[in-house]
Amino acid sequence: MIFFDRSVPKSVAEALKLVREDEVTWLEDRFNHRTPDEEWLEAAGRNDWLVVSRDKRIRTRPGEREALQRHRVGCFILGQAGNPTRWEYLKLLARTLDEMVMRFDETPRPFVYVVNSAGAMRKAL
């Protein structure tokens, strides 16, 4: 499953649900809005979900970093500058999501890749 946290607009996840054959879900499809990141990160690791976020600090905040590592999460952070439009999110994901799935399948977890606006991926954890 491809899991988008609340830092990515729900409409982006909804659009991908219409065109992807794999399961796509947005954080609040499964969790309450106030669910701590550490809690859904645990579920992501336990259930082997590919996580997509825009929260650049998820890998540096101590509790979240520990959750990423302890629960062996595979996470991709969209590193676009500024405030991307939904269309910009979708263009980036259309270019990179298949590669994300491939890396998720082939890379030992835990890991974090930062995906820049050109689609290049840099391992950050």
PDB file of N, CA and C in Angstrom:
ATOM      1  N   MET A   1       0.832  -1.174   0.000  1.00  0.00           N
ATOM      2  CA  MET A   1       0.000   0.000   0.000  1.00  0.00           C
ATOM      3  C   MET A   1       0.881   1.244   0.000  1.00  0.00           C
ATOM      4  N   ILE A   2       0.410   2.286  -0.675  1.00  0.00           N
ATOM      5  CA  ILE A   2       1.079   3.579  -0.681  1.00  0.00           C
ATOM      6  C   ILE A   2       0.295   4.483   0.261  1.00  0.00           C
ATOM      7  N   PHE A   3       0.976   4.953   1.302  1.00  0.00           N
ATOM      8  CA  PHE A   3       0.352   5.723   2.377  1.00  0.00           C
ATOM      9  C   PHE A   3       0.846   7.161   2.329  1.00  0.00           C
ATOM     10  N   PHE A   4      -0.071   8.116   2.199  1.00  0.00           N
ATOM     11  CA  PHE A   4       0.262   9.539   2.214  1.00  0.00           C
ATOM     12  C   PHE A   4      -0.111  10.133   3.557  1.00  0.00           C
ATOM     13  N   ASP A   5       0.831  10.846   4.173  1.00  0.00           N
ATOM     14  CA  ASP A   5       0.499  11.495   5.431  1.00  0.00           C
ATOM     15  C   ASP A   5      -0.215  12.821   5.150  1.00  0.00           C
ATOM     16  N   ARG A   6      -0.601  13.506   6.214  1.00  0.00           N
ATOM     17  CA  ARG A   6      -1.424  14.705   6.054  1.00  0.00           C
ATOM     18  C   ARG A   6      -0.673  15.894   5.457  1.00  0.00           C
ATOM     19  N   SER A   7       0.640  15.796   5.287  1.00  0.00           N
ATOM     20  CA  SER A   7       1.391  16.889   4.675  1.00  0.00           C
ATOM     21  C   SER A   7       1.187  16.937   3.155  1.00  0.00           C
ATOM     22  N   VAL A   8       0.645  15.877   2.588  1.00  0.00           N
ATOM     23  CA  VAL A   8       0.297  15.832   1.166  1.00  0.00           C
ATOM     24  C   VAL A   8      -1.217  16.021   1.076  1.00  0.00           C
ATOM     25  N   PRO A   9      -1.697  16.910   0.202  1.00  0.00           N
ATOM     26  CA  PRO A   9      -3.145  17.141   0.131  1.00  0.00           C
ATOM     27  C   PRO A   9      -3.942  15.867  -0.147  1.00  0.00           C
ATOM     28  N   LYS A  10      -5.066  15.751   0.529  1.00  0.00           N
ATOM     29  CA  LYS A  10      -5.937  14.585   0.346  1.00  0.00           C
ATOM     30  C   LYS A  10      -6.343  14.431  -1.113  1.00  0.00           C
ATOM     31  N   SER A  11      -6.576  15.542  -1.798  1.00  0.00           N
ATOM     32  CA  SER A  11      -7.003  15.475  -3.194  1.00  0.00           C
ATOM     33  C   SER A  11      -5.956  14.803  -4.078  1.00  0.00           C
ATOM     34  N   VAL A  12      -4.686  14.930  -3.724  1.00  0.00           N
ATOM     35  CA  VAL A  12      -3.616  14.266  -4.482  1.00  0.00           C
ATOM     36  C   VAL A  12      -3.733  12.753  -4.305  1.00  0.00           C
ATOM     37  N   ALA A  13      -3.903  12.316  -3.067  1.00  0.00           N
ATOM     38  CA  ALA A  13      -4.082  10.876  -2.815  1.00  0.00           C
ATOM     39  C   ALA A  13      -5.344  10.364  -3.501  1.00  0.00           C
ATOM     40  N   GLU A  14      -6.411  11.135  -3.455  1.00  0.00           N
ATOM     41  CA  GLU A  14      -7.667  10.726  -4.094  1.00  0.00           C
ATOM     42  C   GLU A  14      -7.482  10.570  -5.606  1.00  0.00           C
ATOM     43  N   ALA A  15      -6.755  11.488  -6.231  1.00  0.00           N
ATOM     44  CA  ALA A  15      -6.512  11.394  -7.672  1.00  0.00           C
ATOM     45  C   ALA A  15      -5.723  10.129  -7.998  1.00  0.00           C
ATOM     46  N   LEU A  16      -4.725   9.811  -7.175  1.00  0.00           N
ATOM     47  CA  LEU A  16      -3.925   8.615  -7.424  1.00  0.00           C
ATOM     48  C   LEU A  16      -4.738   7.344  -7.226  1.00  0.00           C
ATOM     49  N   LYS A  17      -5.703   7.368  -6.308  1.00  0.00           N
ATOM     50  CA  LYS A  17      -6.565   6.202  -6.114  1.00  0.00           C
ATOM     51  C   LYS A  17      -7.300   5.837  -7.396  1.00  0.00           C
ATOM     52  N   LEU A  18      -7.595   6.854  -8.214  1.00  0.00           N
ATOM     53  CA  LEU A  18      -8.346   6.632  -9.446  1.00  0.00           C
ATOM     54  C   LEU A  18      -7.515   6.001 -10.557  1.00  0.00           C
ATOM     55  N   VAL A  19      -6.202   6.130 -10.475  1.00  0.00           N
ATOM     56  CA  VAL A  19      -5.371   5.682 -11.595  1.00  0.00           C
ATOM     57  C   VAL A  19      -4.336   4.613 -11.231  1.00  0.00           C
ATOM     58  N   ARG A  20      -4.113   4.364  -9.954  1.00  0.00           N
ATOM     59  CA  ARG A  20      -3.132   3.358  -9.543  1.00  0.00           C
ATOM     60  C   ARG A  20      -3.817   2.024  -9.319  1.00  0.00           C
ATOM     61  N   GLU A  21      -3.129   0.955  -9.684  1.00  0.00           N
ATOM     62  CA  GLU A  21      -3.681  -0.374  -9.431  1.00  0.00           C
ATOM     63  C   GLU A  21      -3.381  -0.849  -8.022  1.00  0.00           C
ATOM     64  N   ASP A  22      -2.299  -0.306  -7.408  1.00  0.00           N
ATOM     65  CA  ASP A  22      -2.008  -0.669  -6.025  1.00  0.00           C
ATOM     66  C   ASP A  22      -2.882   0.196  -5.105  1.00  0.00           C
ATOM     67  N   GLU A  23      -3.007  -0.222  -3.878  1.00  0.00           N
ATOM     68  CA  GLU A  23      -3.845   0.505  -2.928  1.00  0.00           C
ATOM     69  C   GLU A  23      -3.163   1.805  -2.511  1.00  0.00           C
ATOM     70  N   VAL A  24      -3.929   2.880  -2.519  1.00  0.00           N
ATOM     71  CA  VAL A  24      -3.458   4.193  -2.096  1.00  0.00           C
ATOM     72  C   VAL A  24      -4.374   4.656  -0.976  1.00  0.00           C
ATOM     73  N   THR A  25      -3.784   5.179   0.094  1.00  0.00           N
ATOM     74  CA  THR A  25      -4.600   5.708   1.184  1.00  0.00           C
ATOM     75  C   THR A  25      -3.973   6.979   1.731  1.00  0.00           C
ATOM     76  N   TRP A  26      -4.805   7.812   2.308  1.00  0.00           N
ATOM     77  CA  TRP A  26      -4.387   9.057   2.929  1.00  0.00           C
ATOM     78  C   TRP A  26      -4.544   8.893   4.429  1.00  0.00           C
ATOM     79  N   LEU A  27      -3.725   9.539   5.210  1.00  0.00           N
ATOM     80  CA  LEU A  27      -3.678   9.348   6.660  1.00  0.00           C
ATOM     81  C   LEU A  27      -5.064   9.285   7.298  1.00  0.00           C
ATOM     82  N   GLU A  28      -5.905  10.255   6.998  1.00  0.00           N
ATOM     83  CA  GLU A  28      -7.196  10.317   7.682  1.00  0.00           C
ATOM     84  C   GLU A  28      -8.225   9.341   7.132  1.00  0.00           C
ATOM     85  N   ASP A  29      -7.849   8.527   6.126  1.00  0.00           N
ATOM     86  CA  ASP A  29      -8.702   7.409   5.725  1.00  0.00           C
ATOM     87  C   ASP A  29      -8.651   6.312   6.780  1.00  0.00           C
ATOM     88  N   ARG A  30      -7.560   6.288   7.568  1.00  0.00           N
ATOM     89  CA  ARG A  30      -7.345   5.215   8.546  1.00  0.00           C
ATOM     90  C   ARG A  30      -7.177   5.695   9.976  1.00  0.00           C
ATOM     91  N   PHE A  31      -6.779   6.948  10.143  1.00  0.00           N
ATOM     92  CA  PHE A  31      -6.467   7.459  11.478  1.00  0.00           C
ATOM     93  C   PHE A  31      -7.188   8.779  11.726  1.00  0.00           C
ATOM     94  N   ASN A  32      -7.354   9.097  12.998  1.00  0.00           N
ATOM     95  CA  ASN A  32      -7.892  10.382  13.420  1.00  0.00           C
ATOM     96  C   ASN A  32      -6.894  11.480  13.071  1.00  0.00           C
ATOM     97  N   HIS A  33      -7.387  12.683  12.823  1.00  0.00           N
ATOM     98  CA  HIS A  33      -6.531  13.818  12.463  1.00  0.00           C
ATOM     99  C   HIS A  33      -5.438  14.066  13.507  1.00  0.00           C
ATOM    100  N   ARG A  34      -5.729  13.814  14.756  1.00  0.00           N
ATOM    101  CA  ARG A  34      -4.776  14.101  15.837  1.00  0.00           C
ATOM    102  C   ARG A  34      -3.849  12.936  16.166  1.00  0.00           C
ATOM    103  N   THR A  35      -3.873  11.903  15.371  1.00  0.00           N
ATOM    104  CA  THR A  35      -3.002  10.751  15.619  1.00  0.00           C
ATOM    105  C   THR A  35      -1.543  11.194  15.544  1.00  0.00           C
ATOM    106  N   PRO A  36      -0.775  10.926  16.587  1.00  0.00           N
ATOM    107  CA  PRO A  36       0.648  11.298  16.555  1.00  0.00           C
ATOM    108  C   PRO A  36       1.385  10.560  15.432  1.00  0.00           C
ATOM    109  N   ASP A  37       2.367  11.232  14.865  1.00  0.00           N
ATOM    110  CA  ASP A  37       3.148  10.621  13.781  1.00  0.00           C
ATOM    111  C   ASP A  37       3.756   9.293  14.214  1.00  0.00           C
ATOM    112  N   GLU A  38       4.227   9.209  15.445  1.00  0.00           N
ATOM    113  CA  GLU A  38       4.851   7.968  15.920  1.00  0.00           C
ATOM    114  C   GLU A  38       3.871   6.792  15.834  1.00  0.00           C
ATOM    115  N   GLU A  39       2.584   7.051  16.054  1.00  0.00           N
ATOM    116  CA  GLU A  39       1.581   5.978  16.025  1.00  0.00           C
ATOM    117  C   GLU A  39       1.348   5.465  14.603  1.00  0.00           C
ATOM    118  N   TRP A  40       1.137   6.371  13.654  1.00  0.00           N
ATOM    119  CA  TRP A  40       0.905   5.875  12.289  1.00  0.00           C
ATOM    120  C   TRP A  40       2.196   5.337  11.665  1.00  0.00           C
ATOM    121  N   LEU A  41       3.369   5.861  12.082  1.00  0.00           N
ATOM    122  CA  LEU A  41       4.628   5.298  11.596  1.00  0.00           C
ATOM    123  C   LEU A  41       4.785   3.844  12.061  1.00  0.00           C
ATOM    124  N   GLU A  42       4.372   3.569  13.281  1.00  0.00           N
ATOM    125  CA  GLU A  42       4.410   2.184  13.765  1.00  0.00           C
ATOM    126  C   GLU A  42       3.541   1.287  12.888  1.00  0.00           C
ATOM    127  N   ALA A  43       2.322   1.749  12.592  1.00  0.00           N
ATOM    128  CA  ALA A  43       1.420   0.972  11.737  1.00  0.00           C
ATOM    129  C   ALA A  43       2.005   0.799  10.337  1.00  0.00           C
ATOM    130  N   ALA A  44       2.637   1.837   9.820  1.00  0.00           N
ATOM    131  CA  ALA A  44       3.238   1.754   8.484  1.00  0.00           C
ATOM    132  C   ALA A  44       4.325   0.690   8.442  1.00  0.00           C
ATOM    133  N   GLY A  45       5.159   0.667   9.460  1.00  0.00           N
ATOM    134  CA  GLY A  45       6.208  -0.347   9.501  1.00  0.00           C
ATOM    135  C   GLY A  45       5.656  -1.744   9.676  1.00  0.00           C
ATOM    136  N   ARG A  46       4.713  -1.881  10.590  1.00  0.00           N
ATOM    137  CA  ARG A  46       4.121  -3.204  10.876  1.00  0.00           C
ATOM    138  C   ARG A  46       3.423  -3.771   9.644  1.00  0.00           C
ATOM    139  N   ASN A  47       2.773  -2.903   8.864  1.00  0.00           N
ATOM    140  CA  ASN A  47       1.984  -3.344   7.719  1.00  0.00           C
ATOM    141  C   ASN A  47       2.711  -3.232   6.383  1.00  0.00           C
ATOM    142  N   ASP A  48       3.982  -2.809   6.430  1.00  0.00           N
ATOM    143  CA  ASP A  48       4.807  -2.732   5.226  1.00  0.00           C
ATOM    144  C   ASP A  48       4.235  -1.752   4.199  1.00  0.00           C
ATOM    145  N   TRP A  49       3.875  -0.551   4.674  1.00  0.00           N
ATOM    146  CA  TRP A  49       3.358   0.489   3.789  1.00  0.00           C
ATOM    147  C   TRP A  49       4.485   1.367   3.288  1.00  0.00           C
ATOM    148  N   LEU A  50       4.446   1.732   2.026  1.00  0.00           N
ATOM    149  CA  LEU A  50       5.343   2.722   1.450  1.00  0.00           C
ATOM    150  C   LEU A  50       4.786   4.087   1.854  1.00  0.00           C
ATOM    151  N   VAL A  51       5.566   4.876   2.571  1.00  0.00           N
ATOM    152  CA  VAL A  51       5.100   6.172   3.080  1.00  0.00           C
ATOM    153  C   VAL A  51       5.603   7.295   2.185  1.00  0.00           C
ATOM    154  N   VAL A  52       4.685   8.217   1.838  1.00  0.00           N
ATOM    155  CA  VAL A  52       5.036   9.431   1.107  1.00  0.00           C
ATOM    156  C   VAL A  52       4.615  10.613   1.972  1.00  0.00           C
ATOM    157  N   SER A  53       5.545  11.542   2.166  1.00  0.00           N
ATOM    158  CA  SER A  53       5.313  12.691   3.036  1.00  0.00           C
ATOM    159  C   SER A  53       5.924  13.932   2.391  1.00  0.00           C
ATOM    160  N   ARG A  54       5.574  15.064   2.915  1.00  0.00           N
ATOM    161  CA  ARG A  54       6.252  16.304   2.535  1.00  0.00           C
ATOM    162  C   ARG A  54       6.937  16.901   3.762  1.00  0.00           C
ATOM    163  N   ASP A  55       6.792  16.260   4.889  1.00  0.00           N
ATOM    164  CA  ASP A  55       7.349  16.732   6.156  1.00  0.00           C
ATOM    165  C   ASP A  55       8.845  16.437   6.202  1.00  0.00           C
ATOM    166  N   LYS A  56       9.650  17.442   5.873  1.00  0.00           N
ATOM    167  CA  LYS A  56      11.105  17.259   5.808  1.00  0.00           C
ATOM    168  C   LYS A  56      11.724  16.963   7.172  1.00  0.00           C
ATOM    169  N   ARG A  57      11.042  17.357   8.242  1.00  0.00           N
ATOM    170  CA  ARG A  57      11.610  17.162   9.584  1.00  0.00           C
ATOM    171  C   ARG A  57      11.263  15.808  10.196  1.00  0.00           C
ATOM    172  N   ILE A  58      10.481  14.989   9.500  1.00  0.00           N
ATOM    173  CA  ILE A  58      10.101  13.684  10.042  1.00  0.00           C
ATOM    174  C   ILE A  58      11.338  12.824  10.332  1.00  0.00           C
ATOM    175  N   ARG A  59      12.415  13.060   9.589  1.00  0.00           N
ATOM    176  CA  ARG A  59      13.631  12.260   9.785  1.00  0.00           C
ATOM    177  C   ARG A  59      14.562  12.846  10.832  1.00  0.00           C
ATOM    178  N   THR A  60      14.258  14.057  11.347  1.00  0.00           N
ATOM    179  CA  THR A  60      15.150  14.682  12.328  1.00  0.00           C
ATOM    180  C   THR A  60      14.514  14.875  13.698  1.00  0.00           C
ATOM    181  N   ARG A  61      13.197  14.906  13.794  1.00  0.00           N
ATOM    182  CA  ARG A  61      12.571  14.995  15.118  1.00  0.00           C
ATOM    183  C   ARG A  61      12.830  13.672  15.840  1.00  0.00           C
ATOM    184  N   PRO A  62      13.339  13.732  17.081  1.00  0.00           N
ATOM    185  CA  PRO A  62      13.763  12.497  17.761  1.00  0.00           C
ATOM    186  C   PRO A  62      12.707  11.394  17.816  1.00  0.00           C
ATOM    187  N   GLY A  63      11.483  11.693  18.212  1.00  0.00           N
ATOM    188  CA  GLY A  63      10.458  10.653  18.324  1.00  0.00           C
ATOM    189  C   GLY A  63      10.087  10.039  16.993  1.00  0.00           C
ATOM    190  N   GLU A  64       9.995  10.871  15.977  1.00  0.00           N
ATOM    191  CA  GLU A  64       9.633  10.382  14.653  1.00  0.00           C
ATOM    192  C   GLU A  64      10.792   9.607  14.021  1.00  0.00           C
ATOM    193  N   ARG A  65      12.003  10.108  14.190  1.00  0.00           N
ATOM    194  CA  ARG A  65      13.181   9.400  13.665  1.00  0.00           C
ATOM    195  C   ARG A  65      13.297   8.021  14.320  1.00  0.00           C
ATOM    196  N   GLU A  66      13.088   7.983  15.630  1.00  0.00           N
ATOM    197  CA  GLU A  66      13.140   6.703  16.334  1.00  0.00           C
ATOM    198  C   GLU A  66      12.060   5.754  15.826  1.00  0.00           C
ATOM    199  N   ALA A  67      10.851   6.280  15.589  1.00  0.00           N
ATOM    200  CA  ALA A  67       9.760   5.445  15.075  1.00  0.00           C
ATOM    201  C   ALA A  67      10.081   4.923  13.674  1.00  0.00           C
ATOM    202  N   LEU A  68      10.641   5.765  12.828  1.00  0.00           N
ATOM    203  CA  LEU A  68      11.058   5.326  11.490  1.00  0.00           C
ATOM    204  C   LEU A  68      12.027   4.151  11.597  1.00  0.00           C
ATOM    205  N   GLN A  69      12.998   4.286  12.496  1.00  0.00           N
ATOM    206  CA  GLN A  69      14.018   3.254  12.626  1.00  0.00           C
ATOM    207  C   GLN A  69      13.488   2.007  13.329  1.00  0.00           C
ATOM    208  N   ARG A  70      12.820   2.193  14.443  1.00  0.00           N
ATOM    209  CA  ARG A  70      12.353   1.045  15.234  1.00  0.00           C
ATOM    210  C   ARG A  70      11.371   0.181  14.453  1.00  0.00           C
ATOM    211  N   HIS A  71      10.489   0.828  13.681  1.00  0.00           N
ATOM    212  CA  HIS A  71       9.432   0.089  12.982  1.00  0.00           C
ATOM    213  C   HIS A  71       9.781  -0.207  11.528  1.00  0.00           C
ATOM    214  N   ARG A  72      11.037   0.130  11.156  1.00  0.00           N
ATOM    215  CA  ARG A  72      11.563  -0.235   9.842  1.00  0.00           C
ATOM    216  C   ARG A  72      10.682   0.291   8.714  1.00  0.00           C
ATOM    217  N   VAL A  73      10.494   1.593   8.715  1.00  0.00           N
ATOM    218  CA  VAL A  73       9.632   2.259   7.740  1.00  0.00           C
ATOM    219  C   VAL A  73      10.442   2.642   6.508  1.00  0.00           C
ATOM    220  N   GLY A  74       9.830   2.521   5.332  1.00  0.00           N
ATOM    221  CA  GLY A  74      10.377   3.022   4.080  1.00  0.00           C
ATOM    222  C   GLY A  74       9.610   4.276   3.709  1.00  0.00           C
ATOM    223  N   CYS A  75      10.300   5.413   3.655  1.00  0.00           N
ATOM    224  CA  CYS A  75       9.635   6.711   3.502  1.00  0.00           C
ATOM    225  C   CYS A  75      10.284   7.536   2.397  1.00  0.00           C
ATOM    226  N   PHE A  76       9.454   8.211   1.623  1.00  0.00           N
ATOM    227  CA  PHE A  76       9.895   9.142   0.590  1.00  0.00           C
ATOM    228  C   PHE A  76       9.343  10.518   0.938  1.00  0.00           C
ATOM    229  N   ILE A  77      10.241  11.498   0.988  1.00  0.00           N
ATOM    230  CA  ILE A  77       9.847  12.868   1.324  1.00  0.00           C
ATOM    231  C   ILE A  77       9.909  13.703   0.047  1.00  0.00           C
ATOM    232  N   LEU A  78       8.786  14.316  -0.286  1.00  0.00           N
ATOM    233  CA  LEU A  78       8.740  15.195  -1.456  1.00  0.00           C
ATOM    234  C   LEU A  78       9.366  16.520  -1.068  1.00  0.00           C
ATOM    235  N   GLY A  79      10.467  16.857  -1.701  1.00  0.00           N
ATOM    236  CA  GLY A  79      11.250  18.017  -1.302  1.00  0.00           C
ATOM    237  C   GLY A  79      11.064  19.235  -2.184  1.00  0.00           C
ATOM    238  N   GLN A  80       9.865  19.404  -2.732  1.00  0.00           N
ATOM    239  CA  GLN A  80       9.631  20.582  -3.577  1.00  0.00           C
ATOM    240  C   GLN A  80       9.737  21.849  -2.741  1.00  0.00           C
ATOM    241  N   ALA A  81      10.292  22.899  -3.338  1.00  0.00           N
ATOM    242  CA  ALA A  81      10.396  24.188  -2.651  1.00  0.00           C
ATOM    243  C   ALA A  81       9.044  24.909  -2.685  1.00  0.00           C
ATOM    244  N   GLY A  82       8.866  25.803  -1.737  1.00  0.00           N
ATOM    245  CA  GLY A  82       7.654  26.623  -1.709  1.00  0.00           C
ATOM    246  C   GLY A  82       6.412  25.816  -1.389  1.00  0.00           C
ATOM    247  N   ASN A  83       5.313  26.259  -1.924  1.00  0.00           N
ATOM    248  CA  ASN A  83       4.025  25.590  -1.723  1.00  0.00           C
ATOM    249  C   ASN A  83       3.532  25.047  -3.056  1.00  0.00           C
ATOM    250  N   PRO A  84       3.855  23.795  -3.362  1.00  0.00           N
ATOM    251  CA  PRO A  84       3.448  23.250  -4.659  1.00  0.00           C
ATOM    252  C   PRO A  84       1.928  23.170  -4.791  1.00  0.00           C
ATOM    253  N   THR A  85       1.474  23.312  -6.023  1.00  0.00           N
ATOM    254  CA  THR A  85       0.053  23.133  -6.308  1.00  0.00           C
ATOM    255  C   THR A  85      -0.252  21.641  -6.351  1.00  0.00           C
ATOM    256  N   ARG A  86      -1.509  21.302  -6.316  1.00  0.00           N
ATOM    257  CA  ARG A  86      -1.879  19.880  -6.448  1.00  0.00           C
ATOM    258  C   ARG A  86      -1.369  19.313  -7.768  1.00  0.00           C
ATOM    259  N   TRP A  87      -1.415  20.108  -8.817  1.00  0.00           N
ATOM    260  CA  TRP A  87      -0.926  19.662 -10.108  1.00  0.00           C
ATOM    261  C   TRP A  87       0.571  19.373 -10.049  1.00  0.00           C
ATOM    262  N   GLU A  88       1.340  20.228  -9.375  1.00  0.00           N
ATOM    263  CA  GLU A  88       2.775  20.000  -9.240  1.00  0.00           C
ATOM    264  C   GLU A  88       3.059  18.726  -8.452  1.00  0.00           C
ATOM    265  N   TYR A  89       2.269  18.472  -7.406  1.00  0.00           N
ATOM    266  CA  TYR A  89       2.402  17.200  -6.686  1.00  0.00           C
ATOM    267  C   TYR A  89       2.166  16.029  -7.632  1.00  0.00           C
ATOM    268  N   LEU A  90       1.079  16.105  -8.379  1.00  0.00           N
ATOM    269  CA  LEU A  90       0.721  14.991  -9.261  1.00  0.00           C
ATOM    270  C   LEU A  90       1.754  14.780 -10.360  1.00  0.00           C
ATOM    271  N   LYS A  91       2.277  15.848 -10.936  1.00  0.00           N
ATOM    272  CA  LYS A  91       3.314  15.699 -11.965  1.00  0.00           C
ATOM    273  C   LYS A  91       4.541  15.006 -11.391  1.00  0.00           C
ATOM    274  N   LEU A  92       4.969  15.430 -10.190  1.00  0.00           N
ATOM    275  CA  LEU A  92       6.134  14.810  -9.563  1.00  0.00           C
ATOM    276  C   LEU A  92       5.872  13.335  -9.260  1.00  0.00           C
ATOM    277  N   LEU A  93       4.713  13.037  -8.729  1.00  0.00           N
ATOM    278  CA  LEU A  93       4.396  11.649  -8.390  1.00  0.00           C
ATOM    279  C   LEU A  93       4.241  10.788  -9.640  1.00  0.00           C
ATOM    280  N   ALA A  94       3.696  11.357 -10.721  1.00  0.00           N
ATOM    281  CA  ALA A  94       3.586  10.598 -11.971  1.00  0.00           C
ATOM    282  C   ALA A  94       4.971  10.218 -12.497  1.00  0.00           C
ATOM    283  N   ARG A  95       5.954  11.103 -12.303  1.00  0.00           N
ATOM    284  CA  ARG A  95       7.321  10.829 -12.762  1.00  0.00           C
ATOM    285  C   ARG A  95       8.072   9.863 -11.851  1.00  0.00           C
ATOM    286  N   THR A  96       7.730   9.815 -10.567  1.00  0.00           N
ATOM    287  CA  THR A  96       8.601   9.115  -9.617  1.00  0.00           C
ATOM    288  C   THR A  96       7.972   7.943  -8.864  1.00  0.00           C
ATOM    289  N   LEU A  97       6.680   7.805  -8.868  1.00  0.00           N
ATOM    290  CA  LEU A  97       6.062   6.803  -7.994  1.00  0.00           C
ATOM    291  C   LEU A  97       6.463   5.373  -8.355  1.00  0.00           C
ATOM    292  N   ASP A  98       6.599   5.068  -9.625  1.00  0.00           N
ATOM    293  CA  ASP A  98       7.034   3.712  -9.978  1.00  0.00           C
ATOM    294  C   ASP A  98       8.446   3.432  -9.452  1.00  0.00           C
ATOM    295  N   GLU A  99       9.323   4.432  -9.533  1.00  0.00           N
ATOM    296  CA  GLU A  99      10.675   4.249  -8.990  1.00  0.00           C
ATOM    297  C   GLU A  99      10.628   4.121  -7.465  1.00  0.00           C
ATOM    298  N   MET A 100       9.742   4.872  -6.818  1.00  0.00           N
ATOM    299  CA  MET A 100       9.589   4.741  -5.366  1.00  0.00           C
ATOM    300  C   MET A 100       9.207   3.311  -5.007  1.00  0.00           C
ATOM    301  N   VAL A 101       8.245   2.754  -5.734  1.00  0.00           N
ATOM    302  CA  VAL A 101       7.807   1.377  -5.464  1.00  0.00           C
ATOM    303  C   VAL A 101       8.975   0.411  -5.668  1.00  0.00           C
ATOM    304  N   MET A 102       9.742   0.598  -6.743  1.00  0.00           N
ATOM    305  CA  MET A 102      10.890  -0.272  -6.997  1.00  0.00           C
ATOM    306  C   MET A 102      11.909  -0.165  -5.857  1.00  0.00           C
ATOM    307  N   ARG A 103      12.244   1.067  -5.462  1.00  0.00           N
ATOM    308  CA  ARG A 103      13.214   1.239  -4.365  1.00  0.00           C
ATOM    309  C   ARG A 103      12.672   0.669  -3.055  1.00  0.00           C
ATOM    310  N   PHE A 104      11.388   0.848  -2.811  1.00  0.00           N
ATOM    311  CA  PHE A 104      10.768   0.306  -1.605  1.00  0.00           C
ATOM    312  C   PHE A 104      10.925  -1.220  -1.575  1.00  0.00           C
ATOM    313  N   ASP A 105      10.720  -1.846  -2.717  1.00  0.00           N
ATOM    314  CA  ASP A 105      10.825  -3.305  -2.795  1.00  0.00           C
ATOM    315  C   ASP A 105      12.265  -3.797  -2.670  1.00  0.00           C
ATOM    316  N   GLU A 106      13.242  -2.978  -3.098  1.00  0.00           N
ATOM    317  CA  GLU A 106      14.622  -3.440  -3.173  1.00  0.00           C
ATOM    318  C   GLU A 106      15.532  -2.942  -2.050  1.00  0.00           C
ATOM    319  N   THR A 107      15.112  -1.934  -1.303  1.00  0.00           N
ATOM    320  CA  THR A 107      15.988  -1.317  -0.309  1.00  0.00           C
ATOM    321  C   THR A 107      15.657  -1.830   1.087  1.00  0.00           C
ATOM    322  N   PRO A 108      16.657  -2.310   1.827  1.00  0.00           N
ATOM    323  CA  PRO A 108      16.403  -2.723   3.212  1.00  0.00           C
ATOM    324  C   PRO A 108      15.891  -1.525   4.026  1.00  0.00           C
ATOM    325  N   ARG A 109      14.923  -1.795   4.864  1.00  0.00           N
ATOM    326  CA  ARG A 109      14.347  -0.750   5.710  1.00  0.00           C
ATOM    327  C   ARG A 109      14.948  -0.828   7.100  1.00  0.00           C
ATOM    328  N   PRO A 110      15.040   0.306   7.762  1.00  0.00           N
ATOM    329  CA  PRO A 110      14.409   1.600   7.472  1.00  0.00           C
ATOM    330  C   PRO A 110      15.222   2.413   6.463  1.00  0.00           C
ATOM    331  N   PHE A 111      14.504   3.302   5.764  1.00  0.00           N
ATOM    332  CA  PHE A 111      15.162   4.264   4.894  1.00  0.00           C
ATOM    333  C   PHE A 111      14.277   5.476   4.694  1.00  0.00           C
ATOM    334  N   VAL A 112      14.918   6.579   4.327  1.00  0.00           N
ATOM    335  CA  VAL A 112      14.228   7.794   3.908  1.00  0.00           C
ATOM    336  C   VAL A 112      14.955   8.292   2.666  1.00  0.00           C
ATOM    337  N   TYR A 113      14.199   8.534   1.606  1.00  0.00           N
ATOM    338  CA  TYR A 113      14.720   9.188   0.414  1.00  0.00           C
ATOM    339  C   TYR A 113      14.031  10.546   0.305  1.00  0.00           C
ATOM    340  N   VAL A 114      14.788  11.567  -0.043  1.00  0.00           N
ATOM    341  CA  VAL A 114      14.224  12.868  -0.360  1.00  0.00           C
ATOM    342  C   VAL A 114      14.140  12.949  -1.878  1.00  0.00           C
ATOM    343  N   VAL A 115      12.964  13.310  -2.380  1.00  0.00           N
ATOM    344  CA  VAL A 115      12.711  13.412  -3.820  1.00  0.00           C
ATOM    345  C   VAL A 115      12.619  14.881  -4.178  1.00  0.00           C
ATOM    346  N   ASN A 116      13.556  15.370  -5.002  1.00  0.00           N
ATOM    347  CA  ASN A 116      13.505  16.793  -5.336  1.00  0.00           C
ATOM    348  C   ASN A 116      12.502  17.056  -6.464  1.00  0.00           C
ATOM    349  N   SER A 117      12.310  18.324  -6.788  1.00  0.00           N
ATOM    350  CA  SER A 117      11.269  18.690  -7.760  1.00  0.00           C
ATOM    351  C   SER A 117      11.556  18.173  -9.168  1.00  0.00           C
ATOM    352  N   ALA A 118      12.795  17.799  -9.460  1.00  0.00           N
ATOM    353  CA  ALA A 118      13.143  17.210 -10.747  1.00  0.00           C
ATOM    354  C   ALA A 118      12.959  15.691 -10.734  1.00  0.00           C
ATOM    355  N   GLY A 119      12.683  15.118  -9.567  1.00  0.00           N
ATOM    356  CA  GLY A 119      12.463  13.693  -9.447  1.00  0.00           C
ATOM    357  C   GLY A 119      13.686  12.904  -8.992  1.00  0.00           C
ATOM    358  N   ALA A 120      14.817  13.581  -8.796  1.00  0.00           N
ATOM    359  CA  ALA A 120      16.013  12.888  -8.301  1.00  0.00           C
ATOM    360  C   ALA A 120      15.820  12.484  -6.843  1.00  0.00           C
ATOM    361  N   MET A 121      16.315  11.308  -6.489  1.00  0.00           N
ATOM    362  CA  MET A 121      16.169  10.787  -5.130  1.00  0.00           C
ATOM    363  C   MET A 121      17.523  10.696  -4.463  1.00  0.00           C
ATOM    364  N   ARG A 122      17.544  11.173  -3.204  1.00  0.00           N
ATOM    365  CA  ARG A 122      18.773  11.155  -2.401  1.00  0.00           C
ATOM    366  C   ARG A 122      18.448  10.461  -1.083  1.00  0.00           C
ATOM    367  N   LYS A 123      19.220   9.429  -0.760  1.00  0.00           N
ATOM    368  CA  LYS A 123      18.998   8.713   0.500  1.00  0.00           C
ATOM    369  C   LYS A 123      19.393   9.628   1.665  1.00  0.00           C
ATOM    370  N   ALA A 124      18.480   9.761   2.629  1.00  0.00           N
ATOM    371  CA  ALA A 124      18.691  10.683   3.753  1.00  0.00           C
ATOM    372  C   ALA A 124      18.629   9.971   5.092  1.00  0.00           C
ATOM    373  N   LEU A 125      18.418   8.682   5.102  1.00  0.00           N
ATOM    374  CA  LEU A 125      18.440   7.877   6.345  1.00  0.00           C
ATOM    375  C   LEU A 125      18.644   6.422   5.940  1.00  0.00           C
TER     376      LEU A 125
END
